[in-house]
Amino acid sequence: MAEKRFEVIEKQGKLEQFQVIRDNVTGVLYMSHAAGYGMGLTVLVDQEGKPLVDIDYKKTEI
């Protein structure tokens, strides 16, 4: 079975939930926030506005 492209690497909260999600192909990190019926997803960026890449990321192919 192929590995999943996206993986939750950090999770906080129960009713209001924050997650950090890693793209296992590119290593880019995303943050999702869910509360009630609403949800948002955004790419995490560094101080220069470039996408944040996980330092523990190992490139995989799907």
PDB file of N, CA and C in Angstrom:
ATOM      1  N   MET A   1       0.840  -1.184   0.000  1.00  0.00           N
ATOM      2  CA  MET A   1       0.000   0.000   0.000  1.00  0.00           C
ATOM      3  C   MET A   1       0.887   1.250   0.000  1.00  0.00           C
ATOM      4  N   ALA A   2       0.557   2.208  -0.831  1.00  0.00           N
ATOM      5  CA  ALA A   2       1.321   3.455  -0.906  1.00  0.00           C
ATOM      6  C   ALA A   2       1.120   4.287   0.354  1.00  0.00           C
ATOM      7  N   GLU A   3       2.150   5.052   0.690  1.00  0.00           N
ATOM      8  CA  GLU A   3       2.042   5.934   1.846  1.00  0.00           C
ATOM      9  C   GLU A   3       1.093   7.083   1.538  1.00  0.00           C
ATOM     10  N   LYS A   4       0.536   7.671   2.599  1.00  0.00           N
ATOM     11  CA  LYS A   4      -0.358   8.805   2.428  1.00  0.00           C
ATOM     12  C   LYS A   4       0.448  10.046   2.074  1.00  0.00           C
ATOM     13  N   ARG A   5      -0.117  10.872   1.215  1.00  0.00           N
ATOM     14  CA  ARG A   5       0.580  12.105   0.832  1.00  0.00           C
ATOM     15  C   ARG A   5       0.623  13.083   1.993  1.00  0.00           C
ATOM     16  N   PHE A   6      -0.469  13.222   2.739  1.00  0.00           N
ATOM     17  CA  PHE A   6      -0.527  14.171   3.841  1.00  0.00           C
ATOM     18  C   PHE A   6      -0.586  13.437   5.171  1.00  0.00           C
ATOM     19  N   GLU A   7       0.134  13.984   6.167  1.00  0.00           N
ATOM     20  CA  GLU A   7       0.220  13.347   7.482  1.00  0.00           C
ATOM     21  C   GLU A   7       0.092  14.417   8.565  1.00  0.00           C
ATOM     22  N   VAL A   8      -0.775  14.163   9.551  1.00  0.00           N
ATOM     23  CA  VAL A   8      -0.906  15.070  10.690  1.00  0.00           C
ATOM     24  C   VAL A   8       0.274  14.812  11.617  1.00  0.00           C
ATOM     25  N   ILE A   9       1.084  15.843  11.870  1.00  0.00           N
ATOM     26  CA  ILE A   9       2.258  15.651  12.722  1.00  0.00           C
ATOM     27  C   ILE A   9       2.107  16.313  14.086  1.00  0.00           C
ATOM     28  N   GLU A  10       1.092  17.157  14.250  1.00  0.00           N
ATOM     29  CA  GLU A  10       0.825  17.793  15.544  1.00  0.00           C
ATOM     30  C   GLU A  10      -0.655  18.113  15.618  1.00  0.00           C
ATOM     31  N   LYS A  11      -1.241  17.895  16.791  1.00  0.00           N
ATOM     32  CA  LYS A  11      -2.669  18.138  16.975  1.00  0.00           C
ATOM     33  C   LYS A  11      -2.892  18.711  18.362  1.00  0.00           C
ATOM     34  N   GLN A  12      -3.742  19.756  18.462  1.00  0.00           N
ATOM     35  CA  GLN A  12      -4.083  20.359  19.746  1.00  0.00           C
ATOM     36  C   GLN A  12      -5.563  20.686  19.764  1.00  0.00           C
ATOM     37  N   GLY A  13      -6.172  20.504  20.944  1.00  0.00           N
ATOM     38  CA  GLY A  13      -7.560  20.894  21.134  1.00  0.00           C
ATOM     39  C   GLY A  13      -8.537  19.770  20.887  1.00  0.00           C
ATOM     40  N   LYS A  14      -9.747  19.963  21.383  1.00  0.00           N
ATOM     41  CA  LYS A  14     -10.820  18.988  21.179  1.00  0.00           C
ATOM     42  C   LYS A  14     -11.999  19.641  20.468  1.00  0.00           C
ATOM     43  N   LEU A  15     -12.656  20.610  21.113  1.00  0.00           N
ATOM     44  CA  LEU A  15     -13.782  21.283  20.469  1.00  0.00           C
ATOM     45  C   LEU A  15     -13.303  22.247  19.388  1.00  0.00           C
ATOM     46  N   GLU A  16     -12.216  22.920  19.656  1.00  0.00           N
ATOM     47  CA  GLU A  16     -11.577  23.803  18.692  1.00  0.00           C
ATOM     48  C   GLU A  16     -10.210  23.190  18.418  1.00  0.00           C
ATOM     49  N   GLN A  17      -9.989  22.716  17.200  1.00  0.00           N
ATOM     50  CA  GLN A  17      -8.801  21.909  16.928  1.00  0.00           C
ATOM     51  C   GLN A  17      -7.842  22.574  15.942  1.00  0.00           C
ATOM     52  N   PHE A  18      -6.564  22.560  16.314  1.00  0.00           N
ATOM     53  CA  PHE A  18      -5.480  23.003  15.437  1.00  0.00           C
ATOM     54  C   PHE A  18      -4.664  21.772  15.054  1.00  0.00           C
ATOM     55  N   GLN A  19      -4.251  21.698  13.783  1.00  0.00           N
ATOM     56  CA  GLN A  19      -3.404  20.599  13.324  1.00  0.00           C
ATOM     57  C   GLN A  19      -2.293  21.154  12.440  1.00  0.00           C
ATOM     58  N   VAL A  20      -1.109  20.562  12.551  1.00  0.00           N
ATOM     59  CA  VAL A  20      -0.030  20.841  11.607  1.00  0.00           C
ATOM     60  C   VAL A  20       0.059  19.611  10.711  1.00  0.00           C
ATOM     61  N   ILE A  21      -0.038  19.839   9.416  1.00  0.00           N
ATOM     62  CA  ILE A  21      -0.084  18.760   8.427  1.00  0.00           C
ATOM     63  C   ILE A  21       1.132  18.884   7.517  1.00  0.00           C
ATOM     64  N   ARG A  22       1.796  17.744   7.265  1.00  0.00           N
ATOM     65  CA  ARG A  22       2.967  17.735   6.382  1.00  0.00           C
ATOM     66  C   ARG A  22       2.625  17.044   5.070  1.00  0.00           C
ATOM     67  N   ASP A  23       3.039  17.655   3.969  1.00  0.00           N
ATOM     68  CA  ASP A  23       2.951  17.038   2.647  1.00  0.00           C
ATOM     69  C   ASP A  23       4.177  16.139   2.517  1.00  0.00           C
ATOM     70  N   ASN A  24       3.978  14.838   2.459  1.00  0.00           N
ATOM     71  CA  ASN A  24       5.088  13.887   2.441  1.00  0.00           C
ATOM     72  C   ASN A  24       5.835  13.830   1.111  1.00  0.00           C
ATOM     73  N   VAL A  25       5.346  14.536   0.090  1.00  0.00           N
ATOM     74  CA  VAL A  25       6.066  14.588  -1.181  1.00  0.00           C
ATOM     75  C   VAL A  25       6.985  15.808  -1.220  1.00  0.00           C
ATOM     76  N   THR A  26       6.507  16.952  -0.713  1.00  0.00           N
ATOM     77  CA  THR A  26       7.294  18.189  -0.772  1.00  0.00           C
ATOM     78  C   THR A  26       7.901  18.586   0.566  1.00  0.00           C
ATOM     79  N   GLY A  27       7.345  18.098   1.680  1.00  0.00           N
ATOM     80  CA  GLY A  27       7.821  18.477   3.009  1.00  0.00           C
ATOM     81  C   GLY A  27       7.216  19.761   3.535  1.00  0.00           C
ATOM     82  N   VAL A  28       6.376  20.428   2.740  1.00  0.00           N
ATOM     83  CA  VAL A  28       5.759  21.696   3.137  1.00  0.00           C
ATOM     84  C   VAL A  28       4.763  21.457   4.269  1.00  0.00           C
ATOM     85  N   LEU A  29       4.742  22.410   5.232  1.00  0.00           N
ATOM     86  CA  LEU A  29       3.856  22.318   6.391  1.00  0.00           C
ATOM     87  C   LEU A  29       2.640  23.222   6.217  1.00  0.00           C
ATOM     88  N   TYR A  30       1.486  22.725   6.653  1.00  0.00           N
ATOM     89  CA  TYR A  30       0.228  23.465   6.611  1.00  0.00           C
ATOM     90  C   TYR A  30      -0.378  23.468   8.005  1.00  0.00           C
ATOM     91  N   MET A  31      -1.198  24.489   8.311  1.00  0.00           N
ATOM     92  CA  MET A  31      -1.937  24.516   9.566  1.00  0.00           C
ATOM     93  C   MET A  31      -3.422  24.521   9.240  1.00  0.00           C
ATOM     94  N   SER A  32      -4.167  23.652   9.925  1.00  0.00           N
ATOM     95  CA  SER A  32      -5.619  23.670   9.786  1.00  0.00           C
ATOM     96  C   SER A  32      -6.226  24.004  11.138  1.00  0.00           C
ATOM     97  N   HIS A  33      -7.362  24.694  11.082  1.00  0.00           N
ATOM     98  CA  HIS A  33      -8.091  25.068  12.288  1.00  0.00           C
ATOM     99  C   HIS A  33      -9.553  24.740  12.041  1.00  0.00           C
ATOM    100  N   ALA A  34     -10.148  24.008  12.967  1.00  0.00           N
ATOM    101  CA  ALA A  34     -11.560  23.655  12.853  1.00  0.00           C
ATOM    102  C   ALA A  34     -12.266  24.002  14.150  1.00  0.00           C
ATOM    103  N   ALA A  35     -13.413  24.672  14.022  1.00  0.00           N
ATOM    104  CA  ALA A  35     -14.228  25.033  15.178  1.00  0.00           C
ATOM    105  C   ALA A  35     -15.681  25.057  14.729  1.00  0.00           C
ATOM    106  N   GLY A  36     -16.509  24.262  15.391  1.00  0.00           N
ATOM    107  CA  GLY A  36     -17.917  24.210  15.003  1.00  0.00           C
ATOM    108  C   GLY A  36     -18.060  23.721  13.577  1.00  0.00           C
ATOM    109  N   TYR A  37     -18.769  24.510  12.751  1.00  0.00           N
ATOM    110  CA  TYR A  37     -18.978  24.136  11.354  1.00  0.00           C
ATOM    111  C   TYR A  37     -17.929  24.738  10.419  1.00  0.00           C
ATOM    112  N   GLY A  38     -16.994  25.516  10.977  1.00  0.00           N
ATOM    113  CA  GLY A  38     -16.000  26.187  10.145  1.00  0.00           C
ATOM    114  C   GLY A  38     -14.653  25.491  10.169  1.00  0.00           C
ATOM    115  N   MET A  39     -13.902  25.702   9.089  1.00  0.00           N
ATOM    116  CA  MET A  39     -12.570  25.108   8.986  1.00  0.00           C
ATOM    117  C   MET A  39     -11.716  25.980   8.080  1.00  0.00           C
ATOM    118  N   GLY A  40     -10.429  26.076   8.389  1.00  0.00           N
ATOM    119  CA  GLY A  40      -9.514  26.830   7.547  1.00  0.00           C
ATOM    120  C   GLY A  40      -8.213  26.067   7.383  1.00  0.00           C
ATOM    121  N   LEU A  41      -7.549  26.283   6.260  1.00  0.00           N
ATOM    122  CA  LEU A  41      -6.285  25.618   5.969  1.00  0.00           C
ATOM    123  C   LEU A  41      -5.361  26.640   5.323  1.00  0.00           C
ATOM    124  N   THR A  42      -4.125  26.719   5.796  1.00  0.00           N
ATOM    125  CA  THR A  42      -3.160  27.658   5.232  1.00  0.00           C
ATOM    126  C   THR A  42      -1.758  27.066   5.278  1.00  0.00           C
ATOM    127  N   VAL A  43      -0.929  27.502   4.356  1.00  0.00           N
ATOM    128  CA  VAL A  43       0.468  27.071   4.345  1.00  0.00           C
ATOM    129  C   VAL A  43       1.215  27.874   5.409  1.00  0.00           C
ATOM    130  N   LEU A  44       2.134  27.228   6.114  1.00  0.00           N
ATOM    131  CA  LEU A  44       2.981  27.928   7.076  1.00  0.00           C
ATOM    132  C   LEU A  44       4.165  28.520   6.315  1.00  0.00           C
ATOM    133  N   VAL A  45       4.533  29.760   6.651  1.00  0.00           N
ATOM    134  CA  VAL A  45       5.627  30.432   5.955  1.00  0.00           C
ATOM    135  C   VAL A  45       6.674  30.916   6.950  1.00  0.00           C
ATOM    136  N   ASP A  46       7.906  31.113   6.445  1.00  0.00           N
ATOM    137  CA  ASP A  46       8.976  31.650   7.293  1.00  0.00           C
ATOM    138  C   ASP A  46       8.906  33.180   7.284  1.00  0.00           C
ATOM    139  N   GLN A  47       9.900  33.830   7.870  1.00  0.00           N
ATOM    140  CA  GLN A  47       9.906  35.288   7.983  1.00  0.00           C
ATOM    141  C   GLN A  47       9.994  35.995   6.636  1.00  0.00           C
ATOM    142  N   GLU A  48      10.464  35.299   5.622  1.00  0.00           N
ATOM    143  CA  GLU A  48      10.569  35.887   4.283  1.00  0.00           C
ATOM    144  C   GLU A  48       9.359  35.565   3.417  1.00  0.00           C
ATOM    145  N   GLY A  49       8.380  34.845   3.965  1.00  0.00           N
ATOM    146  CA  GLY A  49       7.179  34.498   3.220  1.00  0.00           C
ATOM    147  C   GLY A  49       7.312  33.247   2.371  1.00  0.00           C
ATOM    148  N   LYS A  50       8.390  32.495   2.559  1.00  0.00           N
ATOM    149  CA  LYS A  50       8.592  31.248   1.812  1.00  0.00           C
ATOM    150  C   LYS A  50       7.955  30.093   2.575  1.00  0.00           C
ATOM    151  N   PRO A  51       7.415  29.094   1.870  1.00  0.00           N
ATOM    152  CA  PRO A  51       6.799  27.953   2.555  1.00  0.00           C
ATOM    153  C   PRO A  51       7.769  27.286   3.525  1.00  0.00           C
ATOM    154  N   LEU A  52       7.264  26.928   4.684  1.00  0.00           N
ATOM    155  CA  LEU A  52       8.058  26.274   5.716  1.00  0.00           C
ATOM    156  C   LEU A  52       8.133  24.782   5.409  1.00  0.00           C
ATOM    157  N   VAL A  53       9.344  24.236   5.368  1.00  0.00           N
ATOM    158  CA  VAL A  53       9.562  22.818   5.070  1.00  0.00           C
ATOM    159  C   VAL A  53      10.023  22.122   6.344  1.00  0.00           C
ATOM    160  N   ASP A  54       9.425  20.974   6.650  1.00  0.00           N
ATOM    161  CA  ASP A  54       9.757  20.188   7.839  1.00  0.00           C
ATOM    162  C   ASP A  54      11.204  19.701   7.764  1.00  0.00           C
ATOM    163  N   ILE A  55      11.980  19.963   8.821  1.00  0.00           N
ATOM    164  CA  ILE A  55      13.390  19.542   8.827  1.00  0.00           C
ATOM    165  C   ILE A  55      13.541  18.026   8.947  1.00  0.00           C
ATOM    166  N   ASP A  56      12.514  17.331   9.451  1.00  0.00           N
ATOM    167  CA  ASP A  56      12.559  15.873   9.585  1.00  0.00           C
ATOM    168  C   ASP A  56      11.992  15.158   8.360  1.00  0.00           C
ATOM    169  N   TYR A  57      11.654  15.907   7.327  1.00  0.00           N
ATOM    170  CA  TYR A  57      11.011  15.376   6.129  1.00  0.00           C
ATOM    171  C   TYR A  57      11.954  14.478   5.334  1.00  0.00           C
ATOM    172  N   LYS A  58      11.427  13.328   4.940  1.00  0.00           N
ATOM    173  CA  LYS A  58      12.153  12.414   4.059  1.00  0.00           C
ATOM    174  C   LYS A  58      11.305  12.252   2.807  1.00  0.00           C
ATOM    175  N   LYS A  59      11.848  12.619   1.662  1.00  0.00           N
ATOM    176  CA  LYS A  59      11.084  12.603   0.418  1.00  0.00           C
ATOM    177  C   LYS A  59      10.568  11.204   0.105  1.00  0.00           C
ATOM    178  N   THR A  60       9.278  11.135  -0.200  1.00  0.00           N
ATOM    179  CA  THR A  60       8.659   9.872  -0.592  1.00  0.00           C
ATOM    180  C   THR A  60       7.943  10.074  -1.917  1.00  0.00           C
ATOM    181  N   GLU A  61       7.743   9.002  -2.624  1.00  0.00           N
ATOM    182  CA  GLU A  61       6.972   9.050  -3.862  1.00  0.00           C
ATOM    183  C   GLU A  61       5.664   8.333  -3.644  1.00  0.00           C
ATOM    184  N   ILE A  62       4.634   8.837  -4.291  1.00  0.00           N
ATOM    185  CA  ILE A  62       3.310   8.222  -4.126  1.00  0.00           C
ATOM    186  C   ILE A  62       3.010   7.362  -5.325  1.00  0.00           C
TER     187      ILE A  62
END
